[in-house]
Amino acid sequence: MKEFIKKHILVIIFSAAGALAGFLYWKFVGCLSGTCVIKSVWYLSTLYGLGLGWILGELTEEVILKFKKQKKYE
């Protein structure tokens, strides 16, 4: 488990930050009428933020790994 966390720490951090951002978006912006699908309930906006954070974390991790690999062969 420690190896998994160590290997994917960037994705975990981005996912947690995305979930927090999604929750804070619901809390401070939200949708009072209830007609907004994502913004009307806290768990949907939190999950949406988590998903976006996970995608950004994966992309960032991939770019960093490619950059390290290029530096290794130079």
N, C-alpha and C. Protein backbone atom coordinates (compact mmCIF):
# COMPACT_ATOMS: atom_id res chain seq x y z
N MET A 1 0.82 -1.19 0.00
CA MET A 1 0.00 0.00 0.00
C MET A 1 0.87 1.26 0.00
N LYS A 2 1.96 1.22 0.76
CA LYS A 2 2.85 2.38 0.82
C LYS A 2 3.48 2.66 -0.54
N GLU A 3 3.80 1.59 -1.26
CA GLU A 3 4.41 1.76 -2.58
C GLU A 3 3.42 2.40 -3.55
N PHE A 4 2.15 1.98 -3.47
CA PHE A 4 1.12 2.55 -4.33
C PHE A 4 0.95 4.05 -4.05
N ILE A 5 0.88 4.40 -2.78
CA ILE A 5 0.73 5.81 -2.41
C ILE A 5 1.95 6.61 -2.84
N LYS A 6 3.12 6.05 -2.65
CA LYS A 6 4.35 6.75 -3.03
C LYS A 6 4.42 6.95 -4.55
N LYS A 7 3.95 5.97 -5.29
CA LYS A 7 4.00 6.03 -6.75
C LYS A 7 2.98 7.03 -7.31
N HIS A 8 1.82 7.13 -6.67
CA HIS A 8 0.73 7.95 -7.20
C HIS A 8 0.38 9.13 -6.29
N ILE A 9 1.34 9.67 -5.56
CA ILE A 9 1.07 10.74 -4.62
C ILE A 9 0.53 11.98 -5.32
N LEU A 10 1.02 12.27 -6.49
CA LEU A 10 0.58 13.45 -7.24
C LEU A 10 -0.90 13.34 -7.63
N VAL A 11 -1.31 12.17 -8.07
CA VAL A 11 -2.71 11.95 -8.45
C VAL A 11 -3.60 12.05 -7.21
N ILE A 12 -3.15 11.51 -6.09
CA ILE A 12 -3.93 11.58 -4.85
C ILE A 12 -4.10 13.02 -4.39
N ILE A 13 -3.04 13.80 -4.47
CA ILE A 13 -3.11 15.21 -4.06
C ILE A 13 -4.04 16.00 -4.99
N PHE A 14 -3.91 15.81 -6.28
CA PHE A 14 -4.78 16.50 -7.23
C PHE A 14 -6.24 16.10 -7.05
N SER A 15 -6.49 14.81 -6.78
CA SER A 15 -7.86 14.34 -6.58
C SER A 15 -8.47 14.94 -5.32
N ALA A 16 -7.71 14.99 -4.25
CA ALA A 16 -8.21 15.57 -3.00
C ALA A 16 -8.47 17.06 -3.18
N ALA A 17 -7.56 17.75 -3.86
CA ALA A 17 -7.76 19.18 -4.11
C ALA A 17 -8.97 19.42 -5.01
N GLY A 18 -9.19 18.57 -5.99
CA GLY A 18 -10.35 18.69 -6.87
C GLY A 18 -11.65 18.45 -6.12
N ALA A 19 -11.66 17.46 -5.23
CA ALA A 19 -12.86 17.19 -4.44
C ALA A 19 -13.16 18.36 -3.52
N LEU A 20 -12.13 18.92 -2.90
CA LEU A 20 -12.31 20.09 -2.03
C LEU A 20 -12.81 21.28 -2.83
N ALA A 21 -12.24 21.48 -4.01
CA ALA A 21 -12.68 22.59 -4.85
C ALA A 21 -14.13 22.41 -5.30
N GLY A 22 -14.52 21.19 -5.62
CA GLY A 22 -15.91 20.91 -6.00
C GLY A 22 -16.88 21.19 -4.86
N PHE A 23 -16.49 20.79 -3.66
CA PHE A 23 -17.34 21.04 -2.50
C PHE A 23 -17.44 22.54 -2.22
N LEU A 24 -16.31 23.23 -2.27
CA LEU A 24 -16.33 24.67 -2.01
C LEU A 24 -17.11 25.42 -3.09
N TYR A 25 -17.06 24.92 -4.30
CA TYR A 25 -17.85 25.52 -5.37
C TYR A 25 -19.34 25.39 -5.07
N TRP A 26 -19.75 24.21 -4.61
CA TRP A 26 -21.15 24.01 -4.23
C TRP A 26 -21.53 24.91 -3.06
N LYS A 27 -20.63 25.01 -2.09
CA LYS A 27 -20.92 25.78 -0.88
C LYS A 27 -21.09 27.26 -1.16
N PHE A 28 -20.20 27.84 -1.96
CA PHE A 28 -20.19 29.28 -2.14
C PHE A 28 -20.89 29.76 -3.42
N VAL A 29 -20.95 28.94 -4.46
CA VAL A 29 -21.60 29.35 -5.70
C VAL A 29 -22.95 28.65 -5.79
N GLY A 30 -22.92 27.33 -5.83
CA GLY A 30 -24.12 26.52 -5.78
C GLY A 30 -25.24 26.89 -6.73
N CYS A 31 -26.40 26.32 -6.48
CA CYS A 31 -27.59 26.55 -7.29
C CYS A 31 -28.78 26.52 -6.36
N LEU A 32 -29.35 27.66 -6.08
CA LEU A 32 -30.44 27.74 -5.11
C LEU A 32 -31.75 27.16 -5.62
N SER A 33 -31.98 27.22 -6.91
CA SER A 33 -33.26 26.75 -7.45
C SER A 33 -33.34 25.23 -7.51
N GLY A 34 -32.20 24.54 -7.54
CA GLY A 34 -32.20 23.08 -7.62
C GLY A 34 -32.31 22.54 -9.03
N THR A 35 -32.29 23.41 -10.03
CA THR A 35 -32.41 22.95 -11.41
C THR A 35 -31.06 22.60 -12.03
N CYS A 36 -29.99 22.99 -11.40
CA CYS A 36 -28.65 22.68 -11.91
C CYS A 36 -28.28 21.27 -11.45
N VAL A 37 -27.97 20.41 -12.38
CA VAL A 37 -27.73 19.01 -12.04
C VAL A 37 -26.49 18.84 -11.17
N ILE A 38 -25.38 19.42 -11.56
CA ILE A 38 -24.13 19.22 -10.84
C ILE A 38 -24.07 20.07 -9.57
N LYS A 39 -24.51 21.30 -9.66
CA LYS A 39 -24.33 22.22 -8.55
C LYS A 39 -25.43 22.15 -7.49
N SER A 40 -26.50 21.40 -7.71
CA SER A 40 -27.62 21.43 -6.78
C SER A 40 -27.37 20.62 -5.51
N VAL A 41 -26.59 19.55 -5.58
CA VAL A 41 -26.29 18.75 -4.39
C VAL A 41 -24.78 18.66 -4.20
N TRP A 42 -24.36 18.62 -2.96
CA TRP A 42 -22.94 18.70 -2.64
C TRP A 42 -22.14 17.53 -3.16
N TYR A 43 -22.69 16.32 -3.14
CA TYR A 43 -21.90 15.15 -3.51
C TYR A 43 -21.64 15.08 -5.01
N LEU A 44 -22.53 15.60 -5.84
CA LEU A 44 -22.27 15.59 -7.28
C LEU A 44 -21.17 16.58 -7.65
N SER A 45 -21.20 17.76 -7.07
CA SER A 45 -20.13 18.72 -7.38
C SER A 45 -18.80 18.25 -6.82
N THR A 46 -18.82 17.57 -5.66
CA THR A 46 -17.59 17.03 -5.08
C THR A 46 -17.03 15.92 -5.96
N LEU A 47 -17.90 15.03 -6.44
CA LEU A 47 -17.44 13.96 -7.33
C LEU A 47 -16.93 14.50 -8.67
N TYR A 48 -17.60 15.52 -9.17
CA TYR A 48 -17.16 16.15 -10.41
C TYR A 48 -15.78 16.76 -10.24
N GLY A 49 -15.57 17.46 -9.13
CA GLY A 49 -14.26 18.03 -8.83
C GLY A 49 -13.20 16.97 -8.65
N LEU A 50 -13.57 15.87 -7.99
CA LEU A 50 -12.64 14.76 -7.79
C LEU A 50 -12.22 14.18 -9.13
N GLY A 51 -13.18 13.99 -10.03
CA GLY A 51 -12.87 13.45 -11.36
C GLY A 51 -11.95 14.36 -12.15
N LEU A 52 -12.23 15.65 -12.10
CA LEU A 52 -11.35 16.59 -12.81
C LEU A 52 -9.95 16.61 -12.20
N GLY A 53 -9.89 16.56 -10.87
CA GLY A 53 -8.59 16.52 -10.20
C GLY A 53 -7.81 15.27 -10.55
N TRP A 54 -8.52 14.14 -10.64
CA TRP A 54 -7.87 12.89 -10.99
C TRP A 54 -7.30 12.95 -12.41
N ILE A 55 -8.08 13.48 -13.34
CA ILE A 55 -7.61 13.60 -14.73
C ILE A 55 -6.40 14.50 -14.82
N LEU A 56 -6.46 15.66 -14.16
CA LEU A 56 -5.32 16.57 -14.17
C LEU A 56 -4.09 15.96 -13.50
N GLY A 57 -4.30 15.21 -12.43
CA GLY A 57 -3.19 14.54 -11.76
C GLY A 57 -2.54 13.49 -12.64
N GLU A 58 -3.35 12.71 -13.32
CA GLU A 58 -2.81 11.69 -14.23
C GLU A 58 -2.02 12.33 -15.37
N LEU A 59 -2.57 13.39 -15.94
CA LEU A 59 -1.86 14.07 -17.03
C LEU A 59 -0.54 14.68 -16.56
N THR A 60 -0.57 15.30 -15.39
CA THR A 60 0.64 15.90 -14.85
C THR A 60 1.68 14.83 -14.54
N GLU A 61 1.25 13.73 -13.96
CA GLU A 61 2.17 12.64 -13.64
C GLU A 61 2.81 12.08 -14.91
N GLU A 62 2.01 11.95 -15.97
CA GLU A 62 2.53 11.43 -17.24
C GLU A 62 3.57 12.37 -17.84
N VAL A 63 3.30 13.66 -17.80
CA VAL A 63 4.24 14.65 -18.34
C VAL A 63 5.54 14.62 -17.55
N ILE A 64 5.45 14.54 -16.24
CA ILE A 64 6.65 14.51 -15.40
C ILE A 64 7.47 13.26 -15.68
N LEU A 65 6.80 12.11 -15.81
CA LEU A 65 7.52 10.88 -16.10
C LEU A 65 8.20 10.93 -17.47
N LYS A 66 7.54 11.51 -18.47
CA LYS A 66 8.17 11.65 -19.79
C LYS A 66 9.37 12.57 -19.71
N PHE A 67 9.24 13.65 -18.95
CA PHE A 67 10.35 14.59 -18.82
C PHE A 67 11.53 13.94 -18.12
N LYS A 68 11.28 13.16 -17.08
CA LYS A 68 12.36 12.46 -16.38
C LYS A 68 13.02 11.43 -17.28
N LYS A 69 12.21 10.76 -18.10
CA LYS A 69 12.75 9.76 -19.00
C LYS A 69 13.65 10.40 -20.05
N GLN A 70 13.25 11.57 -20.57
CA GLN A 70 14.07 12.28 -21.55
C GLN A 70 15.38 12.72 -20.92
N LYS A 71 15.33 13.24 -19.71
CA LYS A 71 16.53 13.70 -19.04
C LYS A 71 17.49 12.54 -18.78
N LYS A 72 16.94 11.36 -18.53
CA LYS A 72 17.75 10.18 -18.24
C LYS A 72 18.59 9.79 -19.45
N TYR A 73 18.05 9.95 -20.65
CA TYR A 73 18.75 9.52 -21.86
C TYR A 73 19.62 10.60 -22.48
N GLU A 74 19.60 11.77 -21.92
CA GLU A 74 20.45 12.85 -22.49
C GLU A 74 21.85 12.77 -21.99
